[in-house]
Amino acid sequence: MHEAPRRTTLASVPRRTPRVTNRLPDVLAGRGLTWGEVGRRALVPARHLRALRAPHANPPLALAERVAAALGTTIEELWTLAVEPAARGSR
């Protein structure tokens, strides 16, 4: 007799804490661009640009697409997601 395969449930999957790495400031510096120029190219208000300066800025997909397109690059070049193990004992 064969045993039924074990099902994986969400409760059995270890939780991970996603962390975004923001490379936009480095890309701008490397290209000699200002934040104002990015705002003009992407048609993004200054208040949204201020939020993108943080090291772990996690912009909405639509905003990330606009900025990447305005710079002629990909979202992945500007922001990456690294999954780190959750703190011990957290759920």
N, C-alpha and C. Protein backbone atom coordinates (compact mmCIF):
# COMPACT_ATOMS: atom_id res chain seq x y z
N MET A 1 0.84 -1.18 0.00
CA MET A 1 0.00 0.00 0.00
C MET A 1 0.90 1.25 0.00
N HIS A 2 0.55 2.21 -0.83
CA HIS A 2 1.33 3.44 -0.93
C HIS A 2 0.75 4.52 -0.03
N GLU A 3 1.66 5.28 0.56
CA GLU A 3 1.20 6.42 1.37
C GLU A 3 0.89 7.59 0.45
N ALA A 4 -0.09 8.35 0.84
CA ALA A 4 -0.43 9.55 0.07
C ALA A 4 0.69 10.56 0.23
N PRO A 5 1.01 11.29 -0.83
CA PRO A 5 2.07 12.31 -0.71
C PRO A 5 1.67 13.38 0.29
N ARG A 6 2.67 13.85 1.02
CA ARG A 6 2.40 14.91 2.00
C ARG A 6 2.15 16.22 1.28
N ARG A 7 1.14 16.90 1.72
CA ARG A 7 0.83 18.20 1.13
C ARG A 7 1.55 19.29 1.89
N THR A 8 2.04 20.24 1.16
CA THR A 8 2.66 21.41 1.78
C THR A 8 1.58 22.45 1.99
N THR A 9 1.48 22.92 3.20
CA THR A 9 0.51 23.97 3.48
C THR A 9 1.26 25.25 3.77
N LEU A 10 0.57 26.36 3.69
CA LEU A 10 1.20 27.64 3.99
C LEU A 10 1.80 27.65 5.39
N ALA A 11 1.15 27.00 6.32
CA ALA A 11 1.65 26.98 7.69
C ALA A 11 2.98 26.26 7.79
N SER A 12 3.26 25.32 6.87
CA SER A 12 4.50 24.57 6.95
C SER A 12 5.65 25.22 6.18
N VAL A 13 5.38 26.27 5.43
CA VAL A 13 6.41 26.97 4.68
C VAL A 13 7.04 28.02 5.59
N PRO A 14 8.37 27.98 5.74
CA PRO A 14 9.01 28.96 6.61
C PRO A 14 8.79 30.38 6.10
N ARG A 15 8.51 31.27 7.01
CA ARG A 15 8.32 32.67 6.62
C ARG A 15 9.66 33.34 6.36
N ARG A 16 9.67 34.19 5.40
CA ARG A 16 10.87 34.94 5.05
C ARG A 16 10.52 36.42 5.07
N THR A 17 11.50 37.23 5.39
CA THR A 17 11.30 38.66 5.40
C THR A 17 11.92 39.23 4.13
N PRO A 18 11.11 39.76 3.19
CA PRO A 18 11.69 40.33 1.98
C PRO A 18 12.36 41.66 2.27
N ARG A 19 13.47 41.91 1.63
CA ARG A 19 14.19 43.17 1.80
C ARG A 19 14.55 43.69 0.42
N VAL A 20 14.19 44.91 0.18
CA VAL A 20 14.45 45.54 -1.12
C VAL A 20 15.78 46.28 -1.05
N THR A 21 16.59 46.08 -2.06
CA THR A 21 17.83 46.84 -2.20
C THR A 21 17.60 47.88 -3.29
N ASN A 22 17.75 49.13 -2.93
CA ASN A 22 17.51 50.25 -3.84
C ASN A 22 18.83 50.72 -4.44
N ARG A 23 19.01 50.47 -5.73
CA ARG A 23 20.24 50.92 -6.41
C ARG A 23 20.02 52.19 -7.22
N LEU A 24 18.83 52.76 -7.15
CA LEU A 24 18.53 53.97 -7.92
C LEU A 24 19.52 55.10 -7.63
N PRO A 25 19.81 55.43 -6.36
CA PRO A 25 20.77 56.52 -6.12
C PRO A 25 22.13 56.27 -6.77
N ASP A 26 22.62 55.03 -6.74
CA ASP A 26 23.91 54.71 -7.36
C ASP A 26 23.84 54.82 -8.88
N VAL A 27 22.74 54.37 -9.45
CA VAL A 27 22.57 54.47 -10.91
C VAL A 27 22.55 55.93 -11.34
N LEU A 28 21.82 56.75 -10.60
CA LEU A 28 21.76 58.18 -10.95
C LEU A 28 23.14 58.83 -10.85
N ALA A 29 23.85 58.52 -9.76
CA ALA A 29 25.20 59.09 -9.58
C ALA A 29 26.13 58.64 -10.71
N GLY A 30 26.04 57.37 -11.08
CA GLY A 30 26.88 56.84 -12.15
C GLY A 30 26.59 57.47 -13.50
N ARG A 31 25.37 57.89 -13.70
CA ARG A 31 24.99 58.52 -14.97
C ARG A 31 25.05 60.04 -14.92
N GLY A 32 25.36 60.57 -13.75
CA GLY A 32 25.43 62.03 -13.62
C GLY A 32 24.08 62.70 -13.69
N LEU A 33 23.03 62.01 -13.26
CA LEU A 33 21.67 62.55 -13.30
C LEU A 33 21.23 63.04 -11.92
N THR A 34 20.40 64.05 -11.92
CA THR A 34 19.85 64.56 -10.67
C THR A 34 18.47 63.94 -10.44
N TRP A 35 18.01 64.04 -9.19
CA TRP A 35 16.66 63.55 -8.88
C TRP A 35 15.62 64.36 -9.64
N GLY A 36 15.87 65.65 -9.82
CA GLY A 36 14.94 66.49 -10.57
C GLY A 36 14.81 66.04 -12.02
N GLU A 37 15.94 65.64 -12.62
CA GLU A 37 15.91 65.15 -14.00
C GLU A 37 15.10 63.86 -14.10
N VAL A 38 15.25 62.98 -13.13
CA VAL A 38 14.47 61.73 -13.12
C VAL A 38 12.99 62.06 -13.01
N GLY A 39 12.66 63.00 -12.14
CA GLY A 39 11.26 63.40 -11.98
C GLY A 39 10.67 63.94 -13.27
N ARG A 40 11.44 64.75 -13.97
CA ARG A 40 10.96 65.30 -15.25
C ARG A 40 10.79 64.21 -16.29
N ARG A 41 11.76 63.32 -16.38
CA ARG A 41 11.70 62.25 -17.39
C ARG A 41 10.54 61.28 -17.13
N ALA A 42 10.34 60.95 -15.84
CA ALA A 42 9.33 59.95 -15.50
C ALA A 42 7.97 60.57 -15.18
N LEU A 43 7.91 61.91 -15.17
CA LEU A 43 6.69 62.62 -14.79
C LEU A 43 6.22 62.19 -13.40
N VAL A 44 7.16 62.21 -12.47
CA VAL A 44 6.91 61.78 -11.09
C VAL A 44 7.01 63.00 -10.18
N PRO A 45 6.01 63.23 -9.32
CA PRO A 45 6.05 64.36 -8.40
C PRO A 45 7.21 64.23 -7.39
N ALA A 46 7.68 65.36 -6.93
CA ALA A 46 8.81 65.40 -5.99
C ALA A 46 8.55 64.57 -4.74
N ARG A 47 7.32 64.53 -4.24
CA ARG A 47 7.04 63.77 -3.02
C ARG A 47 7.28 62.28 -3.22
N HIS A 48 7.03 61.78 -4.42
CA HIS A 48 7.31 60.36 -4.70
C HIS A 48 8.82 60.13 -4.81
N LEU A 49 9.51 61.07 -5.40
CA LEU A 49 10.96 60.94 -5.53
C LEU A 49 11.64 60.92 -4.16
N ARG A 50 11.15 61.73 -3.23
CA ARG A 50 11.75 61.73 -1.88
C ARG A 50 11.68 60.34 -1.26
N ALA A 51 10.57 59.65 -1.48
CA ALA A 51 10.42 58.29 -0.92
C ALA A 51 11.38 57.30 -1.57
N LEU A 52 11.81 57.57 -2.80
CA LEU A 52 12.71 56.66 -3.51
C LEU A 52 14.16 56.80 -3.09
N ARG A 53 14.50 57.78 -2.27
CA ARG A 53 15.88 57.98 -1.84
C ARG A 53 16.31 57.04 -0.73
N ALA A 54 15.37 56.44 -0.03
CA ALA A 54 15.69 55.57 1.10
C ALA A 54 16.42 54.31 0.60
N PRO A 55 17.38 53.80 1.39
CA PRO A 55 18.14 52.62 0.96
C PRO A 55 17.28 51.39 0.67
N HIS A 56 16.17 51.25 1.36
CA HIS A 56 15.31 50.09 1.13
C HIS A 56 13.94 50.51 0.60
N ALA A 57 13.94 51.57 -0.22
CA ALA A 57 12.69 52.03 -0.82
C ALA A 57 12.05 50.90 -1.61
N ASN A 58 10.75 50.75 -1.45
CA ASN A 58 10.01 49.69 -2.12
C ASN A 58 8.83 50.34 -2.85
N PRO A 59 9.09 50.89 -4.04
CA PRO A 59 8.04 51.63 -4.74
C PRO A 59 6.96 50.71 -5.30
N PRO A 60 5.76 51.26 -5.49
CA PRO A 60 4.72 50.49 -6.18
C PRO A 60 5.21 50.14 -7.60
N LEU A 61 4.73 49.05 -8.13
CA LEU A 61 5.17 48.57 -9.43
C LEU A 61 5.01 49.62 -10.53
N ALA A 62 3.90 50.32 -10.55
CA ALA A 62 3.67 51.32 -11.59
C ALA A 62 4.72 52.43 -11.53
N LEU A 63 5.08 52.86 -10.34
CA LEU A 63 6.10 53.90 -10.18
C LEU A 63 7.47 53.36 -10.59
N ALA A 64 7.78 52.15 -10.17
CA ALA A 64 9.06 51.54 -10.54
C ALA A 64 9.19 51.42 -12.06
N GLU A 65 8.11 51.03 -12.73
CA GLU A 65 8.12 50.90 -14.19
C GLU A 65 8.36 52.25 -14.86
N ARG A 66 7.72 53.29 -14.34
CA ARG A 66 7.88 54.63 -14.93
C ARG A 66 9.32 55.11 -14.81
N VAL A 67 9.89 54.94 -13.63
CA VAL A 67 11.26 55.40 -13.40
C VAL A 67 12.24 54.59 -14.27
N ALA A 68 12.08 53.28 -14.28
CA ALA A 68 12.98 52.45 -15.08
C ALA A 68 12.87 52.80 -16.57
N ALA A 69 11.66 52.96 -17.07
CA ALA A 69 11.47 53.31 -18.48
C ALA A 69 12.09 54.67 -18.80
N ALA A 70 11.94 55.62 -17.89
CA ALA A 70 12.50 56.96 -18.11
C ALA A 70 14.03 56.91 -18.16
N LEU A 71 14.61 55.93 -17.49
CA LEU A 71 16.07 55.80 -17.48
C LEU A 71 16.56 54.81 -18.53
N GLY A 72 15.63 54.19 -19.26
CA GLY A 72 16.02 53.23 -20.29
C GLY A 72 16.63 51.97 -19.71
N THR A 73 16.11 51.52 -18.59
CA THR A 73 16.65 50.34 -17.93
C THR A 73 15.51 49.47 -17.42
N THR A 74 15.84 48.47 -16.64
CA THR A 74 14.83 47.57 -16.08
C THR A 74 14.62 47.86 -14.60
N ILE A 75 13.49 47.43 -14.11
CA ILE A 75 13.19 47.55 -12.68
C ILE A 75 14.25 46.78 -11.89
N GLU A 76 14.63 45.61 -12.40
CA GLU A 76 15.59 44.76 -11.69
C GLU A 76 16.95 45.42 -11.53
N GLU A 77 17.32 46.31 -12.45
CA GLU A 77 18.60 47.01 -12.31
C GLU A 77 18.52 48.03 -11.17
N LEU A 78 17.33 48.55 -10.93
CA LEU A 78 17.17 49.60 -9.92
C LEU A 78 16.81 49.06 -8.54
N TRP A 79 15.98 48.02 -8.50
CA TRP A 79 15.53 47.46 -7.22
C TRP A 79 15.59 45.94 -7.29
N THR A 80 16.14 45.33 -6.26
CA THR A 80 16.15 43.88 -6.18
C THR A 80 15.55 43.45 -4.85
N LEU A 81 15.03 42.26 -4.84
CA LEU A 81 14.41 41.71 -3.65
C LEU A 81 15.24 40.53 -3.17
N ALA A 82 15.75 40.66 -1.95
CA ALA A 82 16.50 39.57 -1.33
C ALA A 82 15.66 39.03 -0.19
N VAL A 83 15.46 37.74 -0.18
CA VAL A 83 14.65 37.13 0.88
C VAL A 83 15.59 36.65 1.97
N GLU A 84 15.36 37.13 3.17
CA GLU A 84 16.17 36.75 4.32
C GLU A 84 15.32 35.93 5.27
N PRO A 85 15.94 35.02 5.99
CA PRO A 85 15.17 34.24 6.96
C PRO A 85 14.52 35.15 8.00
N ALA A 86 13.33 34.80 8.41
CA ALA A 86 12.64 35.57 9.44
C ALA A 86 13.37 35.42 10.76
N ALA A 87 13.19 36.39 11.61
CA ALA A 87 13.81 36.32 12.94
C ALA A 87 13.30 35.10 13.68
N ARG A 88 14.16 34.49 14.45
CA ARG A 88 13.78 33.27 15.19
C ARG A 88 12.62 33.55 16.13
N GLY A 89 11.66 32.68 16.10
CA GLY A 89 10.50 32.80 16.98
C GLY A 89 9.40 33.69 16.46
N SER A 90 9.59 34.34 15.31
CA SER A 90 8.53 35.20 14.79
C SER A 90 7.60 34.39 13.92
N ARG A 91 6.39 34.75 13.86
CA ARG A 91 5.38 34.10 13.02
C ARG A 91 4.48 35.10 12.44
